[in-house]
Amino acid sequence: MILEIILGITTLTLSYTSFNLFKKVERLEDWIEDYSQRIVDAENTLNQLDSEGKFESDDEIGVIFDGIKNTIKDLSTINNKDI
């Protein structure tokens, strides 16, 4: 009798913790997918902004623009490795 009660409580506890962890993993996966899409959108926006090459050719703005572009490329590379 006591063994059945202990097993029942253990089963309920493990079920709750498994369900709770499952919900957290699902939420993190959704966040990662959203973040990945934002990186792709930012890269596309930068490419559209500099379609004529005016930002890269300017000395002061070009350095900052290159830095932003390189950072987004690094994030895209990391993102593609994980998928």
N, C-alpha and C. Protein backbone atom coordinates (compact mmCIF):
# COMPACT_ATOMS: atom_id res chain seq x y z
N MET A 1 0.82 -1.19 0.00
CA MET A 1 0.00 0.00 0.00
C MET A 1 0.87 1.26 0.00
N ILE A 2 1.83 1.30 0.89
CA ILE A 2 2.71 2.47 0.98
C ILE A 2 3.55 2.60 -0.30
N LEU A 3 3.99 1.46 -0.81
CA LEU A 3 4.78 1.47 -2.03
C LEU A 3 3.97 2.02 -3.21
N GLU A 4 2.71 1.68 -3.30
CA GLU A 4 1.85 2.20 -4.36
C GLU A 4 1.66 3.70 -4.25
N ILE A 5 1.52 4.21 -3.04
CA ILE A 5 1.37 5.65 -2.84
C ILE A 5 2.65 6.38 -3.24
N ILE A 6 3.79 5.84 -2.84
CA ILE A 6 5.08 6.46 -3.19
C ILE A 6 5.28 6.45 -4.70
N LEU A 7 4.97 5.33 -5.35
CA LEU A 7 5.10 5.25 -6.80
C LEU A 7 4.14 6.21 -7.50
N GLY A 8 2.94 6.36 -6.98
CA GLY A 8 1.97 7.29 -7.55
C GLY A 8 2.44 8.73 -7.46
N ILE A 9 2.94 9.11 -6.30
CA ILE A 9 3.44 10.47 -6.11
C ILE A 9 4.65 10.72 -7.00
N THR A 10 5.53 9.74 -7.10
CA THR A 10 6.71 9.87 -7.96
C THR A 10 6.30 10.01 -9.41
N THR A 11 5.33 9.24 -9.85
CA THR A 11 4.86 9.31 -11.22
C THR A 11 4.25 10.67 -11.53
N LEU A 12 3.44 11.19 -10.61
CA LEU A 12 2.85 12.51 -10.82
C LEU A 12 3.91 13.61 -10.86
N THR A 13 4.89 13.51 -9.98
CA THR A 13 5.96 14.51 -9.95
C THR A 13 6.78 14.48 -11.23
N LEU A 14 7.15 13.29 -11.67
CA LEU A 14 7.92 13.17 -12.90
C LEU A 14 7.12 13.61 -14.13
N SER A 15 5.84 13.33 -14.14
CA SER A 15 4.98 13.76 -15.24
C SER A 15 4.90 15.28 -15.31
N TYR A 16 4.73 15.92 -14.16
CA TYR A 16 4.65 17.37 -14.13
C TYR A 16 5.96 18.01 -14.58
N THR A 17 7.07 17.51 -14.08
CA THR A 17 8.36 18.11 -14.45
C THR A 17 8.67 17.88 -15.94
N SER A 18 8.32 16.73 -16.46
CA SER A 18 8.54 16.47 -17.89
C SER A 18 7.70 17.40 -18.75
N PHE A 19 6.45 17.59 -18.39
CA PHE A 19 5.57 18.48 -19.13
C PHE A 19 6.07 19.92 -19.05
N ASN A 20 6.50 20.35 -17.88
CA ASN A 20 7.01 21.69 -17.69
C ASN A 20 8.26 21.92 -18.54
N LEU A 21 9.18 20.98 -18.55
CA LEU A 21 10.39 21.10 -19.37
C LEU A 21 10.06 21.10 -20.86
N PHE A 22 9.09 20.31 -21.26
CA PHE A 22 8.67 20.27 -22.65
C PHE A 22 8.15 21.63 -23.10
N LYS A 23 7.35 22.29 -22.27
CA LYS A 23 6.83 23.61 -22.59
C LYS A 23 7.96 24.63 -22.73
N LYS A 24 8.95 24.55 -21.85
CA LYS A 24 10.08 25.48 -21.92
C LYS A 24 10.90 25.27 -23.19
N VAL A 25 11.12 24.03 -23.57
CA VAL A 25 11.87 23.74 -24.79
C VAL A 25 11.12 24.25 -26.01
N GLU A 26 9.82 24.06 -26.05
CA GLU A 26 9.02 24.55 -27.17
C GLU A 26 9.11 26.07 -27.27
N ARG A 27 9.05 26.75 -26.13
CA ARG A 27 9.13 28.21 -26.13
C ARG A 27 10.50 28.68 -26.64
N LEU A 28 11.57 28.01 -26.23
CA LEU A 28 12.90 28.36 -26.68
C LEU A 28 13.09 28.09 -28.17
N GLU A 29 12.52 27.00 -28.67
CA GLU A 29 12.60 26.72 -30.10
C GLU A 29 11.89 27.79 -30.91
N ASP A 30 10.74 28.25 -30.44
CA ASP A 30 10.03 29.32 -31.13
C ASP A 30 10.86 30.60 -31.12
N TRP A 31 11.51 30.90 -29.99
CA TRP A 31 12.34 32.10 -29.89
C TRP A 31 13.52 32.02 -30.86
N ILE A 32 14.14 30.86 -30.95
CA ILE A 32 15.30 30.69 -31.84
C ILE A 32 14.88 30.85 -33.30
N GLU A 33 13.75 30.28 -33.67
CA GLU A 33 13.27 30.43 -35.04
C GLU A 33 12.96 31.89 -35.37
N ASP A 34 12.37 32.61 -34.42
CA ASP A 34 12.07 34.03 -34.61
C ASP A 34 13.36 34.83 -34.73
N TYR A 35 14.33 34.54 -33.90
CA TYR A 35 15.61 35.25 -33.93
C TYR A 35 16.35 34.97 -35.23
N SER A 36 16.31 33.74 -35.69
CA SER A 36 16.94 33.39 -36.96
C SER A 36 16.31 34.15 -38.12
N GLN A 37 15.01 34.26 -38.10
CA GLN A 37 14.32 35.00 -39.16
C GLN A 37 14.67 36.48 -39.11
N ARG A 38 14.83 37.03 -37.92
CA ARG A 38 15.23 38.43 -37.80
C ARG A 38 16.61 38.67 -38.38
N ILE A 39 17.52 37.73 -38.19
CA ILE A 39 18.86 37.85 -38.75
C ILE A 39 18.80 37.86 -40.27
N VAL A 40 18.02 36.97 -40.83
CA VAL A 40 17.87 36.90 -42.29
C VAL A 40 17.24 38.19 -42.81
N ASP A 41 16.22 38.69 -42.11
CA ASP A 41 15.57 39.93 -42.54
C ASP A 41 16.53 41.12 -42.47
N ALA A 42 17.35 41.17 -41.43
CA ALA A 42 18.32 42.26 -41.31
C ALA A 42 19.35 42.20 -42.43
N GLU A 43 19.79 41.00 -42.76
CA GLU A 43 20.75 40.85 -43.86
C GLU A 43 20.13 41.29 -45.19
N ASN A 44 18.90 40.91 -45.42
CA ASN A 44 18.22 41.32 -46.65
C ASN A 44 18.02 42.83 -46.71
N THR A 45 17.68 43.44 -45.58
CA THR A 45 17.50 44.88 -45.53
C THR A 45 18.80 45.61 -45.82
N LEU A 46 19.91 45.14 -45.23
CA LEU A 46 21.20 45.76 -45.50
C LEU A 46 21.58 45.63 -46.97
N ASN A 47 21.31 44.49 -47.54
CA ASN A 47 21.62 44.30 -48.96
C ASN A 47 20.78 45.23 -49.84
N GLN A 48 19.52 45.44 -49.47
CA GLN A 48 18.67 46.34 -50.23
C GLN A 48 19.11 47.79 -50.08
N LEU A 49 19.51 48.16 -48.85
CA LEU A 49 19.96 49.53 -48.62
C LEU A 49 21.22 49.86 -49.42
N ASP A 50 22.10 48.89 -49.54
CA ASP A 50 23.35 49.14 -50.21
C ASP A 50 23.40 48.47 -51.59
N SER A 51 22.26 48.42 -52.25
CA SER A 51 22.22 47.78 -53.56
C SER A 51 23.07 48.53 -54.58
N GLU A 52 23.24 49.83 -54.40
CA GLU A 52 24.06 50.62 -55.31
C GLU A 52 25.50 50.77 -54.83
N GLY A 53 25.81 50.33 -53.63
CA GLY A 53 27.17 50.40 -53.11
C GLY A 53 27.57 51.75 -52.57
N LYS A 54 26.61 52.62 -52.30
CA LYS A 54 26.94 53.97 -51.83
C LYS A 54 27.44 53.98 -50.39
N PHE A 55 26.90 53.12 -49.56
CA PHE A 55 27.34 53.10 -48.16
C PHE A 55 28.75 52.55 -48.03
N GLU A 56 29.04 51.50 -48.76
CA GLU A 56 30.36 50.89 -48.66
C GLU A 56 31.45 51.80 -49.22
N SER A 57 31.12 52.61 -50.20
CA SER A 57 32.13 53.46 -50.82
C SER A 57 32.47 54.68 -49.97
N ASP A 58 31.57 55.13 -49.12
CA ASP A 58 31.83 56.27 -48.24
C ASP A 58 32.79 55.83 -47.14
N ASP A 59 33.80 56.66 -46.85
CA ASP A 59 34.84 56.28 -45.89
C ASP A 59 34.30 56.12 -44.47
N GLU A 60 33.62 57.14 -43.95
CA GLU A 60 33.16 57.09 -42.56
C GLU A 60 32.01 56.11 -42.38
N ILE A 61 31.04 56.20 -43.22
CA ILE A 61 29.88 55.31 -43.11
C ILE A 61 30.23 53.90 -43.52
N GLY A 62 31.14 53.77 -44.49
CA GLY A 62 31.51 52.45 -45.00
C GLY A 62 32.11 51.55 -43.95
N VAL A 63 32.92 52.12 -43.04
CA VAL A 63 33.55 51.32 -41.98
C VAL A 63 32.49 50.76 -41.05
N ILE A 64 31.56 51.60 -40.65
CA ILE A 64 30.48 51.16 -39.75
C ILE A 64 29.58 50.16 -40.47
N PHE A 65 29.27 50.46 -41.73
CA PHE A 65 28.40 49.58 -42.51
C PHE A 65 29.04 48.20 -42.68
N ASP A 66 30.34 48.18 -42.95
CA ASP A 66 31.05 46.90 -43.08
C ASP A 66 31.03 46.13 -41.77
N GLY A 67 31.19 46.85 -40.65
CA GLY A 67 31.14 46.19 -39.34
C GLY A 67 29.79 45.55 -39.08
N ILE A 68 28.73 46.27 -39.39
CA ILE A 68 27.38 45.73 -39.21
C ILE A 68 27.17 44.53 -40.13
N LYS A 69 27.62 44.67 -41.37
CA LYS A 69 27.45 43.59 -42.35
C LYS A 69 28.21 42.33 -41.92
N ASN A 70 29.45 42.51 -41.43
CA ASN A 70 30.25 41.37 -40.97
C ASN A 70 29.62 40.70 -39.75
N THR A 71 29.07 41.50 -38.85
CA THR A 71 28.41 40.93 -37.66
C THR A 71 27.21 40.10 -38.07
N ILE A 72 26.42 40.59 -39.00
CA ILE A 72 25.25 39.84 -39.46
C ILE A 72 25.68 38.58 -40.19
N LYS A 73 26.76 38.65 -40.96
CA LYS A 73 27.25 37.44 -41.63
C LYS A 73 27.72 36.40 -40.61
N ASP A 74 28.39 36.85 -39.55
CA ASP A 74 28.82 35.93 -38.50
C ASP A 74 27.63 35.26 -37.83
N LEU A 75 26.60 36.05 -37.53
CA LEU A 75 25.39 35.49 -36.92
C LEU A 75 24.71 34.52 -37.86
N SER A 76 24.69 34.83 -39.14
CA SER A 76 24.07 33.93 -40.12
C SER A 76 24.86 32.63 -40.21
N THR A 77 26.18 32.71 -40.15
CA THR A 77 27.02 31.51 -40.20
C THR A 77 26.75 30.63 -38.99
N ILE A 78 26.68 31.25 -37.81
CA ILE A 78 26.39 30.48 -36.59
C ILE A 78 25.00 29.86 -36.68
N ASN A 79 24.04 30.63 -37.19
CA ASN A 79 22.68 30.16 -37.33
C ASN A 79 22.60 28.97 -38.28
N ASN A 80 23.32 29.01 -39.38
CA ASN A 80 23.28 27.93 -40.37
C ASN A 80 23.99 26.68 -39.86
N LYS A 81 24.98 26.81 -38.99
CA LYS A 81 25.65 25.65 -38.43
C LYS A 81 24.74 24.88 -37.50
N ASP A 82 23.91 25.59 -36.74
CA ASP A 82 23.02 24.94 -35.78
C ASP A 82 21.88 24.22 -36.44
N ILE A 83 21.48 24.67 -37.62
CA ILE A 83 20.33 24.05 -38.29
C ILE A 83 20.82 22.85 -39.00
